[in-house]
PDB file of N, CA and C in Angstrom:
ATOM      1  N   MET A   1       0.765  -1.118   0.051  1.00  0.00           N
ATOM      2  CA  MET A   1       0.135   0.118   0.016  1.00  0.00           C
ATOM      3  C   MET A   1       0.942   1.248  -0.071  1.00  0.00           C
ATOM      4  N   ARG A   2       2.083   1.197   0.816  1.00  0.00           N
ATOM      5  CA  ARG A   2       2.930   2.348   0.732  1.00  0.00           C
ATOM      6  C   ARG A   2       3.439   2.766  -0.615  1.00  0.00           C
ATOM      7  N   ILE A   3       3.674   1.816  -1.430  1.00  0.00           N
ATOM      8  CA  ILE A   3       4.234   1.799  -2.811  1.00  0.00           C
ATOM      9  C   ILE A   3       3.370   2.486  -3.599  1.00  0.00           C
ATOM     10  N   VAL A   4       1.967   2.168  -3.541  1.00  0.00           N
ATOM     11  CA  VAL A   4       0.905   2.717  -4.260  1.00  0.00           C
ATOM     12  C   VAL A   4       0.695   4.193  -3.855  1.00  0.00           C
ATOM     13  N   THR A   5       0.640   4.521  -2.654  1.00  0.00           N
ATOM     14  CA  THR A   5       0.518   5.770  -2.032  1.00  0.00           C
ATOM     15  C   THR A   5       1.609   6.708  -2.705  1.00  0.00           C
ATOM     16  N   THR A   6       2.974   6.241  -2.583  1.00  0.00           N
ATOM     17  CA  THR A   6       4.018   7.017  -3.134  1.00  0.00           C
ATOM     18  C   THR A   6       3.954   7.279  -4.522  1.00  0.00           C
ATOM     19  N   LEU A   7       3.591   6.304  -5.246  1.00  0.00           N
ATOM     20  CA  LEU A   7       3.275   6.466  -6.851  1.00  0.00           C
ATOM     21  C   LEU A   7       2.381   7.550  -6.928  1.00  0.00           C
ATOM     22  N   LEU A   8       1.187   7.452  -6.185  1.00  0.00           N
ATOM     23  CA  LEU A   8       0.220   8.309  -6.433  1.00  0.00           C
ATOM     24  C   LEU A   8       0.734   9.849  -5.985  1.00  0.00           C
ATOM     25  N   LEU A   9       1.404  10.011  -5.039  1.00  0.00           N
ATOM     26  CA  LEU A   9       2.020  11.348  -4.693  1.00  0.00           C
ATOM     27  C   LEU A   9       2.803  11.815  -5.906  1.00  0.00           C
ATOM     28  N   PHE A  10       3.703  10.818  -6.353  1.00  0.00           N
ATOM     29  CA  PHE A  10       4.394  11.176  -7.724  1.00  0.00           C
ATOM     30  C   PHE A  10       3.589  11.728  -8.625  1.00  0.00           C
ATOM     31  N   ALA A  11       2.403  11.028  -8.904  1.00  0.00           N
ATOM     32  CA  ALA A  11       1.622  11.321 -10.085  1.00  0.00           C
ATOM     33  C   ALA A  11       0.962  12.613  -9.920  1.00  0.00           C
ATOM     34  N   VAL A  12       0.815  12.991  -8.651  1.00  0.00           N
ATOM     35  CA  VAL A  12       0.132  14.407  -8.486  1.00  0.00           C
ATOM     36  C   VAL A  12       1.116  15.467  -8.515  1.00  0.00           C
ATOM     37  N   LEU A  13       2.240  15.213  -8.014  1.00  0.00           N
ATOM     38  CA  LEU A  13       3.415  16.225  -8.193  1.00  0.00           C
ATOM     39  C   LEU A  13       3.820  16.525  -9.643  1.00  0.00           C
ATOM     40  N   VAL A  14       3.972  15.410 -10.413  1.00  0.00           N
ATOM     41  CA  VAL A  14       4.615  15.283 -11.711  1.00  0.00           C
ATOM     42  C   VAL A  14       3.430  15.538 -12.862  1.00  0.00           C
ATOM     43  N   GLY A  15       2.246  15.020 -12.418  1.00  0.00           N
ATOM     44  CA  GLY A  15       1.062  15.143 -13.300  1.00  0.00           C
ATOM     45  C   GLY A  15       1.066  13.955 -14.390  1.00  0.00           C
ATOM     46  N   THR A  16       1.630  12.845 -14.133  1.00  0.00           N
ATOM     47  CA  THR A  16       1.566  11.587 -14.771  1.00  0.00           C
ATOM     48  C   THR A  16       2.014  10.356 -14.007  1.00  0.00           C
ATOM     49  N   LEU A  17       1.704   9.270 -14.330  1.00  0.00           N
ATOM     50  CA  LEU A  17       1.893   8.040 -13.781  1.00  0.00           C
ATOM     51  C   LEU A  17       3.161   7.467 -14.291  1.00  0.00           C
ATOM     52  N   PRO A  18       3.957   6.893 -13.319  1.00  0.00           N
ATOM     53  CA  PRO A  18       5.046   5.945 -13.732  1.00  0.00           C
ATOM     54  C   PRO A  18       4.790   4.862 -14.714  1.00  0.00           C
ATOM     55  N   GLU A  19       5.572   4.477 -15.440  1.00  0.00           N
ATOM     56  CA  GLU A  19       5.395   3.331 -16.357  1.00  0.00           C
ATOM     57  C   GLU A  19       4.842   2.167 -15.674  1.00  0.00           C
ATOM     58  N   GLN A  20       5.588   1.685 -14.287  1.00  0.00           N
ATOM     59  CA  GLN A  20       4.962   0.541 -13.488  1.00  0.00           C
ATOM     60  C   GLN A  20       3.415   0.643 -13.510  1.00  0.00           C
ATOM     61  N   LEU A  21       3.042   1.673 -13.041  1.00  0.00           N
ATOM     62  CA  LEU A  21       1.699   1.920 -12.780  1.00  0.00           C
ATOM     63  C   LEU A  21       0.768   2.068 -14.052  1.00  0.00           C
ATOM     64  N   GLN A  22       1.223   2.543 -15.072  1.00  0.00           N
ATOM     65  CA  GLN A  22       0.538   2.535 -16.313  1.00  0.00           C
ATOM     66  C   GLN A  22       0.336   1.150 -16.788  1.00  0.00           C
ATOM     67  N   ALA A  23       1.222   0.195 -16.776  1.00  0.00           N
ATOM     68  CA  ALA A  23       1.106  -1.064 -17.181  1.00  0.00           C
ATOM     69  C   ALA A  23       0.293  -1.968 -16.125  1.00  0.00           C
ATOM     70  N   ALA A  24       0.106  -1.552 -14.963  1.00  0.00           N
ATOM     71  CA  ALA A  24      -0.765  -2.253 -13.865  1.00  0.00           C
ATOM     72  C   ALA A  24      -2.052  -2.223 -14.257  1.00  0.00           C
ATOM     73  N   LEU A  25      -2.814  -3.418 -13.859  1.00  0.00           N
ATOM     74  CA  LEU A  25      -4.121  -3.772 -14.206  1.00  0.00           C
ATOM     75  C   LEU A  25      -4.949  -2.637 -13.267  1.00  0.00           C
ATOM     76  N   PRO A  26      -5.949  -2.121 -14.078  1.00  0.00           N
ATOM     77  CA  PRO A  26      -6.933  -1.084 -13.434  1.00  0.00           C
ATOM     78  C   PRO A  26      -7.479  -1.746 -12.282  1.00  0.00           C
ATOM     79  N   THR A  27      -7.980  -0.960 -11.239  1.00  0.00           N
ATOM     80  CA  THR A  27      -8.461  -1.440  -9.962  1.00  0.00           C
ATOM     81  C   THR A  27      -9.790  -0.633  -9.895  1.00  0.00           C
ATOM     82  N   ILE A  28     -11.057  -1.294  -9.806  1.00  0.00           N
ATOM     83  CA  ILE A  28     -12.383  -0.670  -9.745  1.00  0.00           C
ATOM     84  C   ILE A  28     -12.314  -0.270  -8.325  1.00  0.00           C
ATOM     85  N   THR A  29     -12.755   0.994  -8.136  1.00  0.00           N
ATOM     86  CA  THR A  29     -13.009   1.682  -6.753  1.00  0.00           C
ATOM     87  C   THR A  29     -14.384   1.918  -6.555  1.00  0.00           C
ATOM     88  N   LEU A  30     -15.359   1.965  -7.551  1.00  0.00           N
ATOM     89  CA  LEU A  30     -16.721   2.221  -7.485  1.00  0.00           C
ATOM     90  C   LEU A  30     -17.352   1.437  -8.488  1.00  0.00           C
ATOM     91  N   HIS A  31     -18.182   0.586  -8.128  1.00  0.00           N
ATOM     92  CA  HIS A  31     -19.137  -0.369  -9.006  1.00  0.00           C
ATOM     93  C   HIS A  31     -20.452   0.426  -9.066  1.00  0.00           C
ATOM     94  N   PRO A  32     -21.054   0.151 -10.402  1.00  0.00           N
ATOM     95  CA  PRO A  32     -22.189   0.906 -10.573  1.00  0.00           C
ATOM     96  C   PRO A  32     -23.308   0.168  -9.402  1.00  0.00           C
ATOM     97  N   LYS A  33     -24.260   1.057  -9.034  1.00  0.00           N
ATOM     98  CA  LYS A  33     -25.212   0.649  -8.281  1.00  0.00           C
ATOM     99  C   LYS A  33     -26.536   0.449  -8.784  1.00  0.00           C
ATOM    100  N   SER A  34     -27.323  -0.711  -8.366  1.00  0.00           N
ATOM    101  CA  SER A  34     -28.614  -0.990  -8.833  1.00  0.00           C
ATOM    102  C   SER A  34     -29.538   0.004  -8.327  1.00  0.00           C
ATOM    103  N   THR A  35     -30.645   0.419  -9.186  1.00  0.00           N
ATOM    104  CA  THR A  35     -31.464   1.450  -8.700  1.00  0.00           C
ATOM    105  C   THR A  35     -32.804   1.114  -9.368  1.00  0.00           C
ATOM    106  N   THR A  36     -33.884   1.535  -8.699  1.00  0.00           N
ATOM    107  CA  THR A  36     -35.305   1.464  -9.229  1.00  0.00           C
ATOM    108  C   THR A  36     -35.679   2.764  -9.914  1.00  0.00           C
ATOM    109  N   VAL A  37     -35.875   2.801 -11.266  1.00  0.00           N
ATOM    110  CA  VAL A  37     -36.173   3.970 -12.072  1.00  0.00           C
ATOM    111  C   VAL A  37     -37.615   4.175 -12.518  1.00  0.00           C
ATOM    112  N   ILE A  38     -37.978   5.446 -12.381  1.00  0.00           N
ATOM    113  CA  ILE A  38     -39.319   5.842 -12.819  1.00  0.00           C
ATOM    114  C   ILE A  38     -39.389   6.147 -14.097  1.00  0.00           C
ATOM    115  N   GLN A  39     -40.375   5.613 -14.887  1.00  0.00           N
ATOM    116  CA  GLN A  39     -40.592   5.889 -16.431  1.00  0.00           C
ATOM    117  C   GLN A  39     -40.187   7.373 -16.754  1.00  0.00           C
ATOM    118  N   ASP A  40     -39.639   7.605 -17.771  1.00  0.00           N
ATOM    119  CA  ASP A  40     -39.130   8.804 -18.319  1.00  0.00           C
ATOM    120  C   ASP A  40     -38.261   9.797 -17.528  1.00  0.00           C
ATOM    121  N   ALA A  41     -37.780   9.049 -16.423  1.00  0.00           N
ATOM    122  CA  ALA A  41     -36.751   9.824 -15.635  1.00  0.00           C
ATOM    123  C   ALA A  41     -35.320   9.755 -16.195  1.00  0.00           C
ATOM    124  N   ARG A  42     -34.569  10.649 -15.892  1.00  0.00           N
ATOM    125  CA  ARG A  42     -33.064  10.667 -16.138  1.00  0.00           C
ATOM    126  C   ARG A  42     -32.255   9.889 -15.283  1.00  0.00           C
ATOM    127  N   VAL A  43     -31.492   8.930 -15.625  1.00  0.00           N
ATOM    128  CA  VAL A  43     -30.701   8.150 -14.779  1.00  0.00           C
ATOM    129  C   VAL A  43     -29.285   8.187 -15.165  1.00  0.00           C
ATOM    130  N   THR A  44     -28.500   8.315 -14.088  1.00  0.00           N
ATOM    131  CA  THR A  44     -27.059   8.201 -14.166  1.00  0.00           C
ATOM    132  C   THR A  44     -26.304   7.075 -13.478  1.00  0.00           C
ATOM    133  N   ILE A  45     -25.605   6.264 -14.060  1.00  0.00           N
ATOM    134  CA  ILE A  45     -24.952   5.117 -13.462  1.00  0.00           C
ATOM    135  C   ILE A  45     -23.379   5.429 -13.535  1.00  0.00           C
ATOM    136  N   SER A  46     -22.887   5.311 -12.367  1.00  0.00           N
ATOM    137  CA  SER A  46     -21.372   5.717 -12.295  1.00  0.00           C
ATOM    138  C   SER A  46     -20.552   4.636 -12.043  1.00  0.00           C
ATOM    139  N   CYS A  47     -19.252   4.554 -12.428  1.00  0.00           N
ATOM    140  CA  CYS A  47     -18.119   3.594 -12.357  1.00  0.00           C
ATOM    141  C   CYS A  47     -16.873   4.218 -12.162  1.00  0.00           C
ATOM    142  N   GLN A  48     -15.901   3.987 -11.240  1.00  0.00           N
ATOM    143  CA  GLN A  48     -14.627   4.450 -11.147  1.00  0.00           C
ATOM    144  C   GLN A  48     -13.608   3.454 -11.053  1.00  0.00           C
ATOM    145  N   ALA A  49     -12.399   3.876 -11.291  1.00  0.00           N
ATOM    146  CA  ALA A  49     -11.378   2.762 -11.220  1.00  0.00           C
ATOM    147  C   ALA A  49      -9.968   3.722 -10.944  1.00  0.00           C
ATOM    148  N   PHE A  50      -8.982   3.077 -10.524  1.00  0.00           N
ATOM    149  CA  PHE A  50      -7.734   3.669 -10.524  1.00  0.00           C
ATOM    150  C   PHE A  50      -6.853   2.956 -11.732  1.00  0.00           C
ATOM    151  N   GLY A  51      -6.248   3.861 -12.419  1.00  0.00           N
ATOM    152  CA  GLY A  51      -5.201   3.206 -13.488  1.00  0.00           C
ATOM    153  C   GLY A  51      -4.759   4.389 -14.401  1.00  0.00           C
ATOM    154  N   ALA A  52      -4.171   4.056 -15.532  1.00  0.00           N
ATOM    155  CA  ALA A  52      -3.426   4.893 -16.407  1.00  0.00           C
ATOM    156  C   ALA A  52      -4.530   5.716 -17.109  1.00  0.00           C
ATOM    157  N   SER A  53      -4.107   6.728 -17.704  1.00  0.00           N
ATOM    158  CA  SER A  53      -4.857   7.573 -18.701  1.00  0.00           C
ATOM    159  C   SER A  53      -5.196   6.841 -19.794  1.00  0.00           C
ATOM    160  N   SER A  54      -4.237   6.013 -20.212  1.00  0.00           N
ATOM    161  CA  SER A  54      -4.452   5.205 -21.461  1.00  0.00           C
ATOM    162  C   SER A  54      -5.490   4.030 -21.303  1.00  0.00           C
ATOM    163  N   THR A  55      -6.116   3.851 -20.171  1.00  0.00           N
ATOM    164  CA  THR A  55      -6.967   2.823 -19.800  1.00  0.00           C
ATOM    165  C   THR A  55      -8.210   3.045 -20.700  1.00  0.00           C
ATOM    166  N   VAL A  56      -8.731   1.894 -21.244  1.00  0.00           N
ATOM    167  CA  VAL A  56      -9.910   1.994 -22.143  1.00  0.00           C
ATOM    168  C   VAL A  56     -11.170   1.693 -21.315  1.00  0.00           C
ATOM    169  N   ILE A  57     -12.276   2.432 -21.295  1.00  0.00           N
ATOM    170  CA  ILE A  57     -13.497   2.376 -20.609  1.00  0.00           C
ATOM    171  C   ILE A  57     -14.654   1.866 -21.459  1.00  0.00           C
ATOM    172  N   LYS A  58     -15.383   0.789 -21.209  1.00  0.00           N
ATOM    173  CA  LYS A  58     -16.569   0.388 -22.099  1.00  0.00           C
ATOM    174  C   LYS A  58     -17.616   0.055 -20.991  1.00  0.00           C
ATOM    175  N   TRP A  59     -18.794   0.268 -21.594  1.00  0.00           N
ATOM    176  CA  TRP A  59     -19.978  -0.095 -20.819  1.00  0.00           C
ATOM    177  C   TRP A  59     -20.766  -1.250 -21.440  1.00  0.00           C
ATOM    178  N   PHE A  60     -21.386  -2.072 -20.808  1.00  0.00           N
ATOM    179  CA  PHE A  60     -22.183  -3.180 -21.402  1.00  0.00           C
ATOM    180  C   PHE A  60     -23.626  -3.261 -20.880  1.00  0.00           C
ATOM    181  N   LYS A  61     -24.531  -3.637 -21.596  1.00  0.00           N
ATOM    182  CA  LYS A  61     -26.069  -3.772 -21.201  1.00  0.00           C
ATOM    183  C   LYS A  61     -26.312  -5.231 -21.640  1.00  0.00           C
ATOM    184  N   ASP A  62     -26.756  -6.022 -20.613  1.00  0.00           N
ATOM    185  CA  ASP A  62     -26.980  -7.404 -20.808  1.00  0.00           C
ATOM    186  C   ASP A  62     -25.906  -8.148 -21.739  1.00  0.00           C
ATOM    187  N   GLY A  63     -24.714  -7.720 -21.374  1.00  0.00           N
ATOM    188  CA  GLY A  63     -23.609  -8.525 -22.083  1.00  0.00           C
ATOM    189  C   GLY A  63     -23.154  -7.924 -23.497  1.00  0.00           C
ATOM    190  N   SER A  64     -23.902  -7.022 -23.965  1.00  0.00           N
ATOM    191  CA  SER A  64     -23.615  -6.325 -25.255  1.00  0.00           C
ATOM    192  C   SER A  64     -23.035  -4.878 -25.086  1.00  0.00           C
ATOM    193  N   LEU A  65     -21.828  -4.859 -25.751  1.00  0.00           N
ATOM    194  CA  LEU A  65     -21.220  -3.529 -25.846  1.00  0.00           C
ATOM    195  C   LEU A  65     -22.007  -2.410 -26.156  1.00  0.00           C
ATOM    196  N   MET A  66     -21.893  -1.366 -25.505  1.00  0.00           N
ATOM    197  CA  MET A  66     -22.817  -0.098 -25.738  1.00  0.00           C
ATOM    198  C   MET A  66     -21.941   0.882 -26.625  1.00  0.00           C
ATOM    199  N   PRO A  67     -22.285   1.825 -27.352  1.00  0.00           N
ATOM    200  CA  PRO A  67     -21.599   2.745 -28.055  1.00  0.00           C
ATOM    201  C   PRO A  67     -20.878   3.726 -27.202  1.00  0.00           C
ATOM    202  N   SER A  68     -19.795   4.150 -27.473  1.00  0.00           N
ATOM    203  CA  SER A  68     -19.056   5.077 -26.628  1.00  0.00           C
ATOM    204  C   SER A  68     -19.681   6.442 -26.468  1.00  0.00           C
ATOM    205  N   SER A  69     -20.679   6.732 -27.382  1.00  0.00           N
ATOM    206  CA  SER A  69     -21.372   7.904 -27.343  1.00  0.00           C
ATOM    207  C   SER A  69     -22.464   7.932 -26.108  1.00  0.00           C
ATOM    208  N   SER A  70     -22.711   6.913 -25.631  1.00  0.00           N
ATOM    209  CA  SER A  70     -23.625   6.769 -24.592  1.00  0.00           C
ATOM    210  C   SER A  70     -23.041   7.040 -23.081  1.00  0.00           C
ATOM    211  N   PHE A  71     -21.851   7.368 -23.178  1.00  0.00           N
ATOM    212  CA  PHE A  71     -21.216   7.558 -21.791  1.00  0.00           C
ATOM    213  C   PHE A  71     -20.143   8.411 -21.751  1.00  0.00           C
ATOM    214  N   THR A  72     -19.943   9.162 -20.745  1.00  0.00           N
ATOM    215  CA  THR A  72     -18.688  10.063 -20.539  1.00  0.00           C
ATOM    216  C   THR A  72     -17.626   9.412 -19.719  1.00  0.00           C
ATOM    217  N   LYS A  73     -16.563  10.065 -19.965  1.00  0.00           N
ATOM    218  CA  LYS A  73     -15.239   9.480 -19.167  1.00  0.00           C
ATOM    219  C   LYS A  73     -14.384  10.671 -18.738  1.00  0.00           C
ATOM    220  N   SER A  74     -13.853  10.529 -17.668  1.00  0.00           N
ATOM    221  CA  SER A  74     -12.712  11.460 -17.337  1.00  0.00           C
ATOM    222  C   SER A  74     -11.544  10.880 -16.529  1.00  0.00           C
ATOM    223  N   TYR A  75     -10.514  11.643 -16.585  1.00  0.00           N
ATOM    224  CA  TYR A  75      -9.291  11.073 -15.914  1.00  0.00           C
ATOM    225  C   TYR A  75      -8.685  12.232 -15.112  1.00  0.00           C
ATOM    226  N   SER A  76      -8.291  11.893 -13.905  1.00  0.00           N
ATOM    227  CA  SER A  76      -7.456  12.829 -13.100  1.00  0.00           C
ATOM    228  C   SER A  76      -6.472  12.217 -12.186  1.00  0.00           C
ATOM    229  N   PHE A  77      -5.265  12.298 -12.328  1.00  0.00           N
ATOM    230  CA  PHE A  77      -4.256  11.856 -11.555  1.00  0.00           C
ATOM    231  C   PHE A  77      -4.428  10.361 -11.180  1.00  0.00           C
ATOM    232  N   GLY A  78      -4.696   9.397 -12.130  1.00  0.00           N
ATOM    233  CA  GLY A  78      -4.806   8.022 -11.801  1.00  0.00           C
ATOM    234  C   GLY A  78      -6.253   7.523 -11.402  1.00  0.00           C
ATOM    235  N   ARG A  79      -7.243   8.606 -11.422  1.00  0.00           N
ATOM    236  CA  ARG A  79      -8.531   8.102 -11.164  1.00  0.00           C
ATOM    237  C   ARG A  79      -9.482   8.396 -12.337  1.00  0.00           C
ATOM    238  N   LEU A  80      -9.983   7.194 -12.694  1.00  0.00           N
ATOM    239  CA  LEU A  80     -10.801   7.136 -14.160  1.00  0.00           C
ATOM    240  C   LEU A  80     -12.384   7.152 -13.685  1.00  0.00           C
ATOM    241  N   SER A  81     -12.959   7.909 -14.195  1.00  0.00           N
ATOM    242  CA  SER A  81     -14.693   7.936 -13.864  1.00  0.00           C
ATOM    243  C   SER A  81     -15.333   7.772 -15.259  1.00  0.00           C
ATOM    244  N   SER A  82     -16.475   7.184 -15.086  1.00  0.00           N
ATOM    245  CA  SER A  82     -17.243   7.138 -16.355  1.00  0.00           C
ATOM    246  C   SER A  82     -18.761   7.111 -15.795  1.00  0.00           C
ATOM    247  N   GLN A  83     -19.571   7.810 -16.455  1.00  0.00           N
ATOM    248  CA  GLN A  83     -20.971   7.886 -16.181  1.00  0.00           C
ATOM    249  C   GLN A  83     -21.763   7.756 -17.379  1.00  0.00           C
ATOM    250  N   LEU A  84     -22.721   6.740 -17.256  1.00  0.00           N
ATOM    251  CA  LEU A  84     -23.628   6.243 -18.358  1.00  0.00           C
ATOM    252  C   LEU A  84     -24.967   7.004 -18.111  1.00  0.00           C
ATOM    253  N   THR A  85     -25.451   7.779 -18.822  1.00  0.00           N
ATOM    254  CA  THR A  85     -26.838   8.568 -18.558  1.00  0.00           C
ATOM    255  C   THR A  85     -27.832   8.004 -19.570  1.00  0.00           C
ATOM    256  N   LEU A  86     -29.044   7.692 -19.086  1.00  0.00           N
ATOM    257  CA  LEU A  86     -30.095   7.423 -19.810  1.00  0.00           C
ATOM    258  C   LEU A  86     -30.979   8.827 -19.529  1.00  0.00           C
ATOM    259  N   SER A  87     -31.059   9.622 -20.725  1.00  0.00           N
ATOM    260  CA  SER A  87     -31.904  10.758 -20.563  1.00  0.00           C
ATOM    261  C   SER A  87     -33.494  10.488 -20.187  1.00  0.00           C
ATOM    262  N   LYS A  88     -34.001   9.592 -20.780  1.00  0.00           N
ATOM    263  CA  LYS A  88     -35.468   9.364 -20.482  1.00  0.00           C
ATOM    264  C   LYS A  88     -35.617   7.896 -20.427  1.00  0.00           C
ATOM    265  N   ALA A  89     -35.480   7.416 -19.455  1.00  0.00           N
ATOM    266  CA  ALA A  89     -35.627   5.961 -19.159  1.00  0.00           C
ATOM    267  C   ALA A  89     -36.929   5.292 -19.551  1.00  0.00           C
ATOM    268  N   SER A  90     -36.811   4.231 -20.308  1.00  0.00           N
ATOM    269  CA  SER A  90     -38.055   3.516 -20.676  1.00  0.00           C
ATOM    270  C   SER A  90     -37.889   2.072 -20.366  1.00  0.00           C
ATOM    271  N   ASN A  91     -39.083   1.256 -20.801  1.00  0.00           N
ATOM    272  CA  ASN A  91     -38.934  -0.171 -20.411  1.00  0.00           C
ATOM    273  C   ASN A  91     -37.823  -0.892 -21.155  1.00  0.00           C
ATOM    274  N   SER A  92     -37.416  -0.328 -22.227  1.00  0.00           N
ATOM    275  CA  SER A  92     -36.312  -1.093 -22.986  1.00  0.00           C
ATOM    276  C   SER A  92     -35.153  -1.040 -22.409  1.00  0.00           C
ATOM    277  N   ASP A  93     -34.898   0.088 -21.525  1.00  0.00           N
ATOM    278  CA  ASP A  93     -33.583   0.294 -20.933  1.00  0.00           C
ATOM    279  C   ASP A  93     -33.574  -0.636 -19.475  1.00  0.00           C
ATOM    280  N   GLN A  94     -34.438  -1.382 -19.261  1.00  0.00           N
ATOM    281  CA  GLN A  94     -34.281  -2.443 -18.081  1.00  0.00           C
ATOM    282  C   GLN A  94     -33.266  -3.392 -18.591  1.00  0.00           C
ATOM    283  N   GLY A  95     -32.419  -3.899 -17.585  1.00  0.00           N
ATOM    284  CA  GLY A  95     -31.432  -4.708 -17.873  1.00  0.00           C
ATOM    285  C   GLY A  95     -30.332  -4.664 -16.885  1.00  0.00           C
ATOM    286  N   SER A  96     -29.344  -5.421 -17.280  1.00  0.00           N
ATOM    287  CA  SER A  96     -28.187  -5.527 -16.398  1.00  0.00           C
ATOM    288  C   SER A  96     -26.808  -4.672 -16.993  1.00  0.00           C
ATOM    289  N   TYR A  97     -26.348  -3.719 -16.286  1.00  0.00           N
ATOM    290  CA  TYR A  97     -25.307  -2.888 -16.764  1.00  0.00           C
ATOM    291  C   TYR A  97     -24.026  -3.044 -15.914  1.00  0.00           C
ATOM    292  N   ARG A  98     -23.098  -3.001 -16.704  1.00  0.00           N
ATOM    293  CA  ARG A  98     -21.624  -3.037 -16.000  1.00  0.00           C
ATOM    294  C   ARG A  98     -20.595  -2.233 -16.760  1.00  0.00           C
ATOM    295  N   CYS A  99     -19.562  -1.835 -16.241  1.00  0.00           N
ATOM    296  CA  CYS A  99     -18.522  -1.074 -16.949  1.00  0.00           C
ATOM    297  C   CYS A  99     -17.305  -2.057 -16.970  1.00  0.00           C
ATOM    298  N   GLU A 100     -16.204  -1.763 -17.760  1.00  0.00           N
ATOM    299  CA  GLU A 100     -15.107  -2.550 -17.990  1.00  0.00           C
ATOM    300  C   GLU A 100     -13.869  -1.515 -18.153  1.00  0.00           C
ATOM    301  N   PHE A 101     -12.773  -1.846 -17.400  1.00  0.00           N
ATOM    302  CA  PHE A 101     -11.566  -0.824 -17.558  1.00  0.00           C
ATOM    303  C   PHE A 101     -10.563  -1.941 -18.151  1.00  0.00           C
ATOM    304  N   SER A 102      -9.797  -1.522 -19.196  1.00  0.00           N
ATOM    305  CA  SER A 102      -8.886  -2.294 -19.732  1.00  0.00           C
ATOM    306  C   SER A 102      -7.667  -1.633 -20.045  1.00  0.00           C
ATOM    307  N   ASN A 103      -6.444  -2.220 -20.193  1.00  0.00           N
ATOM    308  CA  ASN A 103      -5.256  -1.668 -20.761  1.00  0.00           C
ATOM    309  C   ASN A 103      -4.543  -2.800 -21.647  1.00  0.00           C
ATOM    310  N   THR A 104      -3.377  -2.629 -22.102  1.00  0.00           N
ATOM    311  CA  THR A 104      -2.805  -3.540 -22.823  1.00  0.00           C
ATOM    312  C   THR A 104      -2.445  -4.916 -22.469  1.00  0.00           C
ATOM    313  N   ASN A 105      -2.589  -5.055 -20.830  1.00  0.00           N
ATOM    314  CA  ASN A 105      -2.397  -6.408 -20.248  1.00  0.00           C
ATOM    315  C   ASN A 105      -3.635  -7.093 -20.084  1.00  0.00           C
ATOM    316  N   GLU A 106      -4.685  -6.579 -19.745  1.00  0.00           N
ATOM    317  CA  GLU A 106      -5.943  -7.344 -19.246  1.00  0.00           C
ATOM    318  C   GLU A 106      -7.106  -6.225 -19.006  1.00  0.00           C
ATOM    319  N   ALA A 107      -8.213  -6.845 -18.801  1.00  0.00           N
ATOM    320  CA  ALA A 107      -9.336  -6.080 -18.362  1.00  0.00           C
ATOM    321  C   ALA A 107      -9.975  -6.500 -17.028  1.00  0.00           C
ATOM    322  N   VAL A 108     -10.605  -5.457 -16.472  1.00  0.00           N
ATOM    323  CA  VAL A 108     -11.529  -5.835 -15.085  1.00  0.00           C
ATOM    324  C   VAL A 108     -12.846  -5.262 -15.246  1.00  0.00           C
ATOM    325  N   ARG A 109     -13.693  -6.027 -14.856  1.00  0.00           N
ATOM    326  CA  ARG A 109     -15.165  -5.731 -15.043  1.00  0.00           C
ATOM    327  C   ARG A 109     -15.750  -5.551 -13.718  1.00  0.00           C
ATOM    328  N   SER A 110     -16.661  -4.537 -13.741  1.00  0.00           N
ATOM    329  CA  SER A 110     -17.481  -4.351 -12.456  1.00  0.00           C
ATOM    330  C   SER A 110     -18.437  -5.132 -12.180  1.00  0.00           C
ATOM    331  N   ARG A 111     -19.029  -5.256 -10.962  1.00  0.00           N
ATOM    332  CA  ARG A 111     -20.317  -6.005 -10.689  1.00  0.00           C
ATOM    333  C   ARG A 111     -21.365  -5.278 -11.646  1.00  0.00           C
ATOM    334  N   SER A 112     -22.333  -6.137 -11.816  1.00  0.00           N
ATOM    335  CA  SER A 112     -23.431  -5.617 -12.617  1.00  0.00           C
ATOM    336  C   SER A 112     -24.527  -4.850 -11.765  1.00  0.00           C
ATOM    337  N   ALA A 113     -25.207  -3.932 -12.428  1.00  0.00           N
ATOM    338  CA  ALA A 113     -26.225  -3.146 -11.633  1.00  0.00           C
ATOM    339  C   ALA A 113     -27.441  -3.390 -12.515  1.00  0.00           C
ATOM    340  N   THR A 114     -28.443  -3.505 -11.815  1.00  0.00           N
ATOM    341  CA  THR A 114     -29.913  -3.627 -12.623  1.00  0.00           C
ATOM    342  C   THR A 114     -30.914  -2.437 -12.317  1.00  0.00           C
TER     343      THR A 114
END
């Protein structure tokens, strides 16, 4: 834990992550949460991980890849965030949602939210 903390401090001071950390597997720090949604309501599902800026973020609904235009992503000093927003929820939006963070080595998947 001390090494990761030191690397994070380095990232904050220098503005980038060292190579060892960039190659490390992303670690999910916030899984999407299941929620009950009212018809036509706006819904945002969030997911966060620790990893390099080159980490690829994907969202899946019922196991199928969603288009990247359906979510936002941000990166700040090792923290990756992504929000999937349904602007007007309908019955067709019911399902199981999960996010995935991947780098050149491997991918990690969040727990599913319904």
